N, C-alpha and C. Protein backbone atom coordinates (compact mmCIF):
# COMPACT_ATOMS: atom_id res chain seq x y z
N MET A 1 -0.28 1.61 -4.19
CA MET A 1 -1.02 2.64 -3.66
C MET A 1 0.64 3.98 -2.80
N ALA A 2 0.05 5.41 -2.45
CA ALA A 2 0.94 6.14 -2.64
C ALA A 2 0.25 6.98 -1.46
N PHE A 3 1.23 7.44 -0.47
CA PHE A 3 0.73 8.64 0.83
C PHE A 3 1.50 9.05 0.96
N ASP A 4 0.60 10.36 1.56
CA ASP A 4 1.59 11.72 1.13
C ASP A 4 2.05 11.91 2.24
N LEU A 5 3.11 11.81 2.46
CA LEU A 5 3.95 11.96 3.79
C LEU A 5 4.48 13.64 4.41
N ALA A 6 4.32 14.75 2.77
CA ALA A 6 4.75 15.95 2.53
C ALA A 6 3.88 16.91 3.72
N GLY A 7 4.74 17.35 4.71
CA GLY A 7 4.16 18.23 5.80
C GLY A 7 3.10 17.76 6.80
N LYS A 8 3.25 17.13 6.79
CA LYS A 8 2.11 15.55 7.48
C LYS A 8 2.77 15.51 9.15
N VAL A 9 4.28 15.13 9.38
CA VAL A 9 5.48 14.80 10.43
C VAL A 9 6.62 15.77 9.69
N LEU A 10 6.86 15.71 11.24
CA LEU A 10 6.95 17.86 11.58
C LEU A 10 8.56 16.97 11.83
N ALA A 11 8.92 19.14 10.87
CA ALA A 11 10.29 18.70 10.26
C ALA A 11 11.51 18.11 11.54
N GLY A 12 12.95 17.37 11.24
CA GLY A 12 13.80 16.79 12.31
C GLY A 12 13.04 16.61 13.16
N ALA A 13 11.72 15.55 12.55
CA ALA A 13 11.43 14.48 13.34
C ALA A 13 12.46 12.84 12.53
N THR A 14 12.04 12.40 13.29
CA THR A 14 12.59 11.18 13.24
C THR A 14 11.51 9.69 13.01
N ILE A 15 11.51 9.35 12.16
CA ILE A 15 10.83 7.99 12.38
C ILE A 15 10.89 6.85 12.39
N VAL A 16 10.62 6.23 13.49
CA VAL A 16 10.29 5.36 14.15
C VAL A 16 9.64 3.88 14.63
N SER A 17 8.31 3.67 13.52
CA SER A 17 7.90 2.82 13.13
C SER A 17 7.29 2.85 11.80
N ALA A 18 6.70 2.00 11.02
CA ALA A 18 5.16 2.47 9.83
C ALA A 18 4.75 0.64 10.09
N THR A 19 3.49 1.43 9.80
CA THR A 19 2.38 -0.44 9.34
C THR A 19 1.45 0.16 8.44
N LEU A 20 1.47 -0.69 7.96
CA LEU A 20 -0.03 -0.24 6.53
C LEU A 20 -1.16 -0.86 6.97
N GLN A 21 -2.12 -0.58 6.82
CA GLN A 21 -3.32 -1.47 6.80
C GLN A 21 -4.23 -1.79 5.62
N LEU A 22 -4.76 -2.55 5.43
CA LEU A 22 -5.49 -2.91 4.34
C LEU A 22 -6.72 -3.36 4.36
N GLN A 23 -7.95 -3.83 4.39
CA GLN A 23 -8.88 -4.00 4.41
C GLN A 23 -9.17 -5.06 3.12
N MET A 24 -9.03 -6.58 3.51
CA MET A 24 -9.50 -6.87 1.43
C MET A 24 -11.04 -7.90 2.27
N SER A 25 -11.66 -7.26 0.73
CA SER A 25 -13.08 -7.19 0.95
C SER A 25 -13.91 -8.55 0.42
N LYS A 26 -12.95 -9.07 -0.58
CA LYS A 26 -13.69 -10.58 -1.49
C LYS A 26 -11.97 -10.90 -1.67
N THR A 27 -12.57 -12.48 -1.78
CA THR A 27 -11.59 -14.03 -1.59
C THR A 27 -12.27 -14.76 -2.00
N SER A 28 -11.63 -15.36 -3.13
CA SER A 28 -12.57 -17.05 -3.23
C SER A 28 -11.47 -18.41 -2.94
N ALA A 29 -10.00 -17.68 -2.80
CA ALA A 29 -9.38 -18.37 -2.35
C ALA A 29 -8.93 -18.44 -1.04
N GLY A 30 -7.88 -19.26 -0.90
CA GLY A 30 -7.42 -19.25 0.67
C GLY A 30 -6.01 -18.57 1.45
N VAL A 31 -5.17 -18.98 1.83
CA VAL A 31 -4.02 -18.24 2.51
C VAL A 31 -3.31 -18.37 0.87
N THR A 32 -3.28 -16.62 0.68
CA THR A 32 -2.15 -16.42 -0.47
C THR A 32 -1.30 -15.10 0.17
N PRO A 33 0.01 -15.91 -0.22
CA PRO A 33 1.36 -14.96 -0.03
C PRO A 33 0.90 -13.19 -0.46
N ILE A 34 0.74 -11.95 0.16
CA ILE A 34 0.33 -10.83 -0.17
C ILE A 34 1.84 -9.66 -0.58
N GLY A 35 2.87 -9.54 -1.16
CA GLY A 35 3.71 -8.39 -0.27
C GLY A 35 3.34 -7.17 -1.06
N LEU A 36 4.96 -6.17 -0.82
CA LEU A 36 4.62 -4.51 -0.77
C LEU A 36 5.53 -4.64 -1.41
N HIS A 37 5.18 -3.77 -2.69
CA HIS A 37 6.90 -3.90 -3.31
C HIS A 37 6.96 -1.69 -3.82
N ARG A 38 8.60 -1.63 -3.13
CA ARG A 38 8.42 0.15 -3.28
C ARG A 38 8.21 0.15 -5.10
N ALA A 39 7.66 1.08 -5.08
CA ALA A 39 6.70 1.40 -6.16
C ALA A 39 9.36 2.36 -6.89
N LEU A 40 9.24 2.72 -7.99
CA LEU A 40 10.33 2.78 -8.30
C LEU A 40 10.06 4.22 -9.23
N THR A 41 9.17 4.59 -9.90
CA THR A 41 9.54 6.07 -10.73
C THR A 41 6.95 5.98 -10.72
N ASN A 42 7.05 6.99 -10.93
CA ASN A 42 5.44 7.27 -10.76
C ASN A 42 4.74 6.51 -12.11
N TRP A 43 2.98 7.16 -11.66
CA TRP A 43 2.58 5.48 -11.94
C TRP A 43 0.88 6.17 -11.86
N GLY A 44 0.38 5.86 -13.38
CA GLY A 44 -1.19 5.96 -12.86
C GLY A 44 -2.02 5.90 -12.45
N GLU A 45 -3.06 6.85 -12.12
CA GLU A 45 -4.17 6.41 -11.89
C GLU A 45 -5.20 6.51 -12.58
N GLY A 46 -5.78 5.43 -13.14
CA GLY A 46 -6.64 6.45 -14.46
C GLY A 46 -8.51 5.94 -13.57
N ILE A 47 -10.05 5.37 -14.30
CA ILE A 47 -11.07 5.58 -14.13
C ILE A 47 -11.27 3.62 -14.31
N SER A 48 -10.57 2.67 -14.57
CA SER A 48 -10.81 1.63 -14.93
C SER A 48 -11.63 0.96 -13.83
N ASN A 49 -12.52 -0.20 -14.01
CA ASN A 49 -12.87 0.07 -12.19
C ASN A 49 -13.77 -1.93 -12.99
N ALA A 50 -13.48 -3.03 -12.46
CA ALA A 50 -14.07 -4.27 -12.96
C ALA A 50 -14.57 -3.94 -12.25
N SER A 51 -16.35 -4.16 -13.17
CA SER A 51 -17.64 -5.05 -12.34
C SER A 51 -18.19 -5.66 -11.23
N ALA A 52 -17.79 -7.06 -11.62
CA ALA A 52 -18.27 -8.25 -10.95
C ALA A 52 -17.15 -8.90 -10.18
N ASN A 53 -16.63 -10.29 -11.05
CA ASN A 53 -15.57 -11.23 -10.79
C ASN A 53 -14.04 -10.19 -11.18
N GLU A 54 -13.88 -8.76 -9.93
CA GLU A 54 -12.46 -8.49 -9.44
C GLU A 54 -11.41 -9.26 -10.31
N GLY A 55 -10.81 -10.73 -10.23
CA GLY A 55 -9.87 -11.34 -10.38
C GLY A 55 -9.78 -11.70 -11.93
N GLN A 56 -10.57 -10.90 -12.84
CA GLN A 56 -10.83 -10.69 -14.26
C GLN A 56 -10.82 -9.45 -14.78
N GLY A 57 -10.73 -8.21 -13.92
CA GLY A 57 -9.48 -6.97 -14.61
C GLY A 57 -10.90 -6.04 -14.86
N ALA A 58 -10.48 -5.62 -15.75
CA ALA A 58 -10.51 -4.17 -16.21
C ALA A 58 -10.21 -4.06 -17.15
N PRO A 59 -11.06 -3.75 -18.63
CA PRO A 59 -9.65 -2.98 -19.37
C PRO A 59 -9.12 -1.48 -19.40
N ALA A 60 -7.30 -1.23 -19.96
CA ALA A 60 -6.76 0.49 -18.99
C ALA A 60 -7.59 1.31 -19.80
N THR A 61 -7.84 2.47 -18.54
CA THR A 61 -8.21 3.07 -18.93
C THR A 61 -7.09 4.48 -19.41
N THR A 62 -7.72 5.52 -20.00
CA THR A 62 -6.12 6.69 -19.42
C THR A 62 -6.06 6.81 -18.62
N GLY A 63 -3.97 6.16 -18.82
CA GLY A 63 -3.77 7.23 -17.33
C GLY A 63 -3.60 5.96 -16.18
N ASP A 64 -4.22 4.39 -16.05
CA ASP A 64 -3.65 4.05 -15.15
C ASP A 64 -2.90 2.95 -15.38
N ALA A 65 -2.23 2.15 -14.01
CA ALA A 65 -0.71 1.40 -14.03
C ALA A 65 -1.16 0.61 -14.74
N THR A 66 -0.20 -0.23 -15.47
CA THR A 66 -0.88 -1.65 -16.46
C THR A 66 0.38 -2.94 -16.14
N TRP A 67 0.34 -4.16 -16.03
CA TRP A 67 1.49 -5.14 -15.78
C TRP A 67 2.53 -4.19 -16.88
N LEU A 68 2.46 -4.41 -17.56
CA LEU A 68 3.16 -4.46 -18.85
C LEU A 68 4.41 -4.01 -19.26
N HIS A 69 4.75 -3.33 -17.59
CA HIS A 69 5.90 -3.25 -17.26
C HIS A 69 6.34 -3.62 -16.43
N THR A 70 8.53 -3.43 -15.68
CA THR A 70 8.18 -4.31 -15.43
C THR A 70 8.41 -4.04 -14.17
N PHE A 71 8.75 -4.42 -12.28
CA PHE A 71 8.83 -3.55 -11.43
C PHE A 71 9.60 -4.46 -10.89
N HIS A 72 10.06 -4.35 -9.06
CA HIS A 72 11.55 -3.90 -8.27
C HIS A 72 10.46 -5.98 -7.93
N ASN A 73 11.73 -6.15 -7.99
CA ASN A 73 10.93 -8.30 -7.67
C ASN A 73 11.58 -8.70 -6.50
N THR A 74 12.20 -7.70 -5.73
CA THR A 74 12.32 -7.79 -3.68
C THR A 74 11.37 -7.38 -3.02
N ALA A 75 10.43 -8.32 -2.66
CA ALA A 75 9.53 -7.07 -1.70
C ALA A 75 9.75 -6.77 -0.35
N THR A 76 9.48 -5.56 -0.25
CA THR A 76 9.91 -4.81 1.08
C THR A 76 9.04 -5.69 2.43
N VAL A 77 7.86 -6.27 2.73
CA VAL A 77 7.84 -7.39 2.15
C VAL A 77 6.15 -8.11 2.46
N THR A 78 6.16 -9.17 3.46
CA THR A 78 5.69 -9.97 2.85
C THR A 78 3.85 -10.95 3.99
N ILE A 79 3.54 -11.00 3.74
CA ILE A 79 2.53 -11.39 5.29
C ILE A 79 1.36 -12.77 4.06
N PRO A 80 1.01 -13.59 5.22
CA PRO A 80 -0.70 -14.51 4.27
C PRO A 80 -1.62 -13.53 4.53
N VAL A 81 -2.69 -14.08 2.97
CA VAL A 81 -4.23 -13.01 3.47
C VAL A 81 -5.24 -14.42 3.49
N ASN A 82 -5.31 -14.51 4.35
CA ASN A 82 -6.51 -15.88 4.00
C ASN A 82 -7.72 -14.59 4.09
N ASP A 83 -8.68 -14.49 5.09
CA ASP A 83 -10.35 -14.19 5.06
C ASP A 83 -10.05 -12.72 4.47
N ILE A 84 -11.36 -12.55 4.66
CA ILE A 84 -12.26 -11.08 4.15
C ILE A 84 -11.72 -11.00 6.28
N GLY A 85 -11.65 -9.56 5.99
CA GLY A 85 -10.90 -9.00 6.94
C GLY A 85 -10.07 -7.58 7.03
N LEU A 86 -9.19 -6.99 8.16
CA LEU A 86 -7.78 -5.84 7.61
C LEU A 86 -6.34 -7.08 8.90
N TYR A 87 -5.52 -6.72 7.63
CA TYR A 87 -5.03 -7.46 7.28
C TYR A 87 -3.54 -5.99 7.41
N GLN A 88 -2.29 -6.55 8.40
CA GLN A 88 -1.31 -5.34 8.82
C GLN A 88 0.21 -5.98 8.20
N TRP A 89 0.85 -5.01 7.34
CA TRP A 89 2.33 -4.88 6.86
C TRP A 89 2.83 -3.97 7.92
N SER A 90 3.92 -4.79 8.51
CA SER A 90 5.39 -3.87 8.45
C SER A 90 6.24 -4.61 8.57
N SER A 91 7.21 -4.39 8.87
CA SER A 91 8.91 -4.69 8.45
C SER A 91 9.75 -3.92 8.58
N PRO A 92 10.96 -4.16 8.71
CA PRO A 92 12.02 -3.04 8.98
C PRO A 92 12.12 -2.36 6.98
N GLU A 93 11.96 -3.46 6.56
CA GLU A 93 12.20 -2.88 5.15
C GLU A 93 11.08 -1.80 4.69
N LEU A 94 9.36 -1.79 5.45
CA LEU A 94 8.69 -0.72 4.88
C LEU A 94 9.25 0.10 5.52
N LEU A 95 9.82 0.44 6.87
CA LEU A 95 10.35 1.68 7.33
C LEU A 95 11.16 2.44 6.98
N ALA A 96 12.02 1.66 6.53
CA ALA A 96 13.15 1.65 5.75
C ALA A 96 12.70 2.76 4.68
N ASP A 97 11.67 1.76 4.04
CA ASP A 97 11.19 2.68 2.24
C ASP A 97 10.14 4.34 2.84
N VAL A 98 9.56 4.07 4.58
CA VAL A 98 8.90 5.17 4.59
C VAL A 98 10.51 5.91 5.55
N GLN A 99 10.67 5.51 5.70
CA GLN A 99 11.41 6.90 5.99
C GLN A 99 12.35 7.76 5.45
N ASN A 100 12.56 6.60 3.93
CA ASN A 100 13.30 7.12 2.65
C ASN A 100 12.01 8.47 2.24
N TRP A 101 11.52 8.66 2.15
CA TRP A 101 9.89 8.36 1.38
C TRP A 101 10.44 10.88 2.40
N PHE A 102 10.73 10.35 3.26
CA PHE A 102 10.32 11.43 3.81
C PHE A 102 11.06 12.22 4.14
N ALA A 103 12.33 10.93 4.31
CA ALA A 103 13.69 12.55 3.85
C ALA A 103 14.11 12.71 2.26
N ASN A 104 13.20 12.08 1.76
CA ASN A 104 13.43 12.13 -0.12
C ASN A 104 12.40 12.25 -0.42
N PRO A 105 11.48 12.99 -0.34
CA PRO A 105 9.51 13.30 -0.95
C PRO A 105 9.77 13.16 -2.06
N THR A 106 10.40 13.65 -2.76
CA THR A 106 10.62 13.32 -4.44
C THR A 106 10.74 11.55 -5.20
N SER A 107 10.61 9.88 -4.23
CA SER A 107 11.39 8.92 -4.17
C SER A 107 10.20 9.18 -4.16
N ASN A 108 9.02 8.95 -3.30
CA ASN A 108 7.99 8.42 -2.48
C ASN A 108 7.05 8.38 -4.07
N PHE A 109 6.73 6.64 -4.12
CA PHE A 109 6.00 6.69 -5.58
C PHE A 109 5.33 5.59 -4.43
N GLY A 110 4.79 5.23 -2.99
CA GLY A 110 4.55 4.58 -2.78
C GLY A 110 4.78 2.91 -2.83
N TRP A 111 3.96 2.22 -2.56
CA TRP A 111 4.35 0.93 -2.83
C TRP A 111 2.92 -0.40 -4.02
N VAL A 112 3.54 -1.28 -4.59
CA VAL A 112 3.04 -1.94 -5.31
C VAL A 112 2.08 -3.56 -5.16
N VAL A 113 0.95 -3.47 -4.52
CA VAL A 113 0.65 -5.70 -3.79
C VAL A 113 0.29 -6.21 -4.46
N VAL A 114 0.80 -7.31 -4.92
CA VAL A 114 1.41 -8.04 -5.14
C VAL A 114 1.53 -9.66 -4.17
N GLY A 115 0.06 -10.11 -5.26
CA GLY A 115 -0.29 -11.65 -4.90
C GLY A 115 0.78 -13.04 -6.18
N ASP A 116 0.05 -13.48 -4.93
CA ASP A 116 0.18 -15.28 -6.28
C ASP A 116 0.22 -15.43 -7.79
N GLU A 117 0.79 -14.73 -8.40
CA GLU A 117 -0.39 -14.47 -9.28
C GLU A 117 0.27 -16.18 -10.83
N SER A 118 1.36 -16.58 -10.14
CA SER A 118 1.35 -18.30 -10.35
C SER A 118 0.40 -19.75 -10.56
N ILE A 119 -0.79 -18.41 -9.83
CA ILE A 119 -1.96 -20.10 -9.35
C ILE A 119 -3.41 -19.73 -9.90
N ALA A 120 -4.34 -19.73 -10.32
CA ALA A 120 -5.68 -19.48 -10.65
C ALA A 120 -6.05 -19.51 -10.06
N GLY A 121 -7.33 -18.25 -9.84
CA GLY A 121 -8.22 -18.66 -8.45
C GLY A 121 -7.19 -18.15 -7.23
N THR A 122 -6.44 -17.10 -6.92
CA THR A 122 -5.90 -16.91 -6.31
C THR A 122 -5.83 -15.64 -6.33
N ALA A 123 -7.20 -14.06 -5.90
CA ALA A 123 -7.55 -13.18 -6.11
C ALA A 123 -7.91 -12.16 -4.55
N LYS A 124 -7.67 -11.83 -4.41
CA LYS A 124 -7.48 -11.08 -3.39
C LYS A 124 -7.71 -9.74 -3.98
N ARG A 125 -9.40 -9.04 -3.32
CA ARG A 125 -9.77 -7.68 -3.45
C ARG A 125 -9.39 -6.59 -1.91
N PHE A 126 -8.87 -5.93 -2.05
CA PHE A 126 -8.56 -4.71 -1.16
C PHE A 126 -9.46 -3.11 -1.23
N SER A 127 -9.85 -3.01 -0.03
CA SER A 127 -10.39 -1.88 -0.34
C SER A 127 -9.66 -0.61 -0.52
N SER A 128 -9.80 0.36 -1.23
CA SER A 128 -9.97 0.85 -1.40
C SER A 128 -9.64 2.71 -1.42
N ARG A 129 -9.31 3.60 -1.11
CA ARG A 129 -9.33 5.08 -0.90
C ARG A 129 -11.46 5.60 -0.93
N LYS A 130 -11.18 4.64 -2.04
CA LYS A 130 -12.98 5.46 -2.34
C LYS A 130 -14.19 4.10 -1.77
N ASN A 131 -14.18 3.71 -0.65
CA ASN A 131 -14.83 2.77 -0.11
C ASN A 131 -15.25 3.81 1.13
N THR A 132 -16.44 3.96 1.08
CA THR A 132 -17.71 4.35 1.65
C THR A 132 -17.94 4.30 3.29
N SER A 133 -17.01 3.43 3.88
CA SER A 133 -16.27 3.69 5.13
C SER A 133 -15.05 3.60 5.37
N THR A 134 -15.39 4.67 6.08
CA THR A 134 -13.13 5.53 6.50
C THR A 134 -12.45 4.35 7.31
N ALA A 135 -13.16 3.40 8.14
CA ALA A 135 -12.43 2.58 8.46
C ALA A 135 -11.19 1.13 7.75
N ASN A 136 -12.85 1.03 6.45
CA ASN A 136 -11.57 0.31 5.92
C ASN A 136 -11.05 0.54 4.46
N ARG A 137 -11.09 1.81 4.58
CA ARG A 137 -9.85 2.59 3.29
C ARG A 137 -8.42 2.35 3.72
N PRO A 138 -7.29 2.02 2.80
CA PRO A 138 -5.83 1.72 3.03
C PRO A 138 -5.85 2.75 4.35
N GLN A 139 -4.65 2.60 4.93
CA GLN A 139 -4.23 3.56 6.51
C GLN A 139 -2.61 3.44 6.58
N LEU A 140 -1.50 4.80 6.10
CA LEU A 140 -0.23 3.89 7.39
C LEU A 140 0.16 4.42 8.10
N THR A 141 0.26 3.64 9.20
CA THR A 141 0.84 4.59 10.75
C THR A 141 2.02 4.76 11.02
N ILE A 142 2.16 6.15 11.08
CA ILE A 142 3.74 5.92 11.14
C ILE A 142 3.76 6.88 12.78
N GLY A 143 5.13 6.18 13.46
CA GLY A 143 5.43 6.56 14.51
C GLY A 143 6.58 7.81 15.18
N TYR A 144 7.03 8.88 14.96
CA TYR A 144 7.79 9.27 15.55
C TYR A 144 8.03 9.93 16.46
N THR A 145 9.38 10.96 16.64
CA THR A 145 9.90 11.24 17.30
C THR A 145 10.41 12.55 17.21
N VAL A 146 10.77 13.62 18.33
CA VAL A 146 11.55 14.62 17.26
C VAL A 146 11.83 14.86 18.76
N GLY A 147 13.47 15.03 18.65
CA GLY A 147 14.20 15.99 19.19
C GLY A 147 14.07 15.24 21.00
N GLU A 148 13.56 15.53 22.41
CA GLU A 148 13.47 14.42 22.92
C GLU A 148 11.54 14.32 23.39
N VAL A 149 11.41 14.76 22.39
CA VAL A 149 9.66 13.66 22.62
C VAL A 149 9.34 13.22 22.81
N GLU A 150 8.56 11.97 23.24
CA GLU A 150 7.74 10.89 22.98
C GLU A 150 7.27 10.59 21.54
N MET A 151 7.48 9.31 20.96
CA MET A 151 6.43 8.87 20.56
C MET A 151 5.00 8.90 20.16
N GLN A 152 4.87 9.98 18.28
CA GLN A 152 4.07 10.54 18.26
C GLN A 152 3.23 9.52 16.73
N ALA A 153 1.95 8.95 17.14
CA ALA A 153 1.53 8.64 16.62
C ALA A 153 1.04 9.28 14.74
N LEU A 154 0.61 9.13 14.19
CA LEU A 154 0.09 9.16 12.87
C LEU A 154 -0.35 8.42 11.59
N TYR A 155 -1.83 8.72 11.31
CA TYR A 155 -2.53 8.01 11.05
C TYR A 155 -2.44 9.00 9.07
N LEU A 156 -2.29 8.56 8.16
CA LEU A 156 -2.41 8.88 7.29
C LEU A 156 -3.96 7.58 5.90
N PRO A 157 -3.96 8.80 5.19
CA PRO A 157 -4.06 8.35 4.87
C PRO A 157 -3.91 8.26 3.20
N VAL A 158 -4.98 7.11 2.16
CA VAL A 158 -3.76 6.93 1.25
C VAL A 158 -3.67 8.45 0.15
N VAL A 159 -3.09 8.61 -0.78
CA VAL A 159 -3.86 9.89 -1.95
C VAL A 159 -3.96 8.70 -3.25
N ARG A 160 -3.04 8.23 -3.39
CA ARG A 160 -3.43 7.31 -4.87
C ARG A 160 -3.33 5.72 -4.12
N ASN A 161 -4.33 5.29 -5.32
CA ASN A 161 -4.78 4.17 -4.94
C ASN A 161 -4.84 3.31 -6.85
């Protein structure tokens, strides 16, 4: 998933905090570690959609990102995810990713959400930007300062997922 920072944070700002919030809407497994991995290159978003048992996936369509290519194997942050509900990821590494994207917008390809795929039946479904409830859509919250101005909060919706 990717978030558009361009023009959202004031020029000269210093980003001091960042938290990603996702809503898990379906699971059949217990606690599973779910990590965010910084995407290192541009990726596609097609129209594939798993219609029932999302753990089985769906055939890729034109433009989709797939698992056929390697990805960066160091997670930005990993948290345990269990029951349906809201989950938040935050770490110095996540903050560093957002700071880097602010300073270098052309490097902003977002994050890949990766679960424990070594065991069958550990799939977790998270709501996308197309969820009918705005509160359940992915959201990145950024805290920043400008000069002597106190910290401001900015809530960014996901632009690709």
